[in-house]
Amino acid sequence: MHKRRRLPQGFTIVELLIVVVVIAILAAISVVAYTSIQERARISKAHSDIRTIVTAVQLARINESKSMLQITGSGFTGSTCAAKPVGTDLAALPDSDTCIVRYKTTLDAISAASGTQLGDIRDPWGRPYKIDENEGENGFCSRDTVAMFAYPFNGTSTHPSTPSVNVPLSGFTHCS
């Protein structure tokens, strides 16, 4: 009679642990890559929104033959937002907050003057954009700015991925 040799019937615990570790490493790499892609998409959306607002501002200035300061009636729309305490979540502010009311009023003024419907355009995190009407303010020729507030919020700082002065001078002041 021949003695039968038993063949292995399953995986050893070491083999199973190696498979689990490899899967965990692949999952961690995937999560990091996905988060990075998601962040880049948000930044890209914000840049597109800012270009839309800047274009509307330029149209408004041409249509009205006025500077942005004259159209919005404000020297720094974002000032009520910037005055919030450090760490404030601007996305969580109610629509009745002066920061949001002033922001919407400015967007409405730009929309009406440009013929472009901006609605309640906000950054991909739900925060208002930082609008600073500088041209002609106090007789200076500083350029207007449309940008994202820094996150986490720390007052007037601008998010590092957005330019600080990105609206061309209009020529409707003594600036050109």
Foldseek 3Di string as FASTA:
>chain_A
DDDDDDDDDDDDPVVVVVVVVVVVVVVVVVVVVVVVVVVVVLLVVQVVLQVVLLVLQLLLCVQVVAALCVQLVDQWLQQQVLPDAQQDDQQPDDCPRSSNVSLQSSQVSSCVSRVNRSDSDDGPSRHRWTWGRHDCVVHDHAAIDTAHADPVHDGPHGHVSGDGHDRDGRPSHVYD
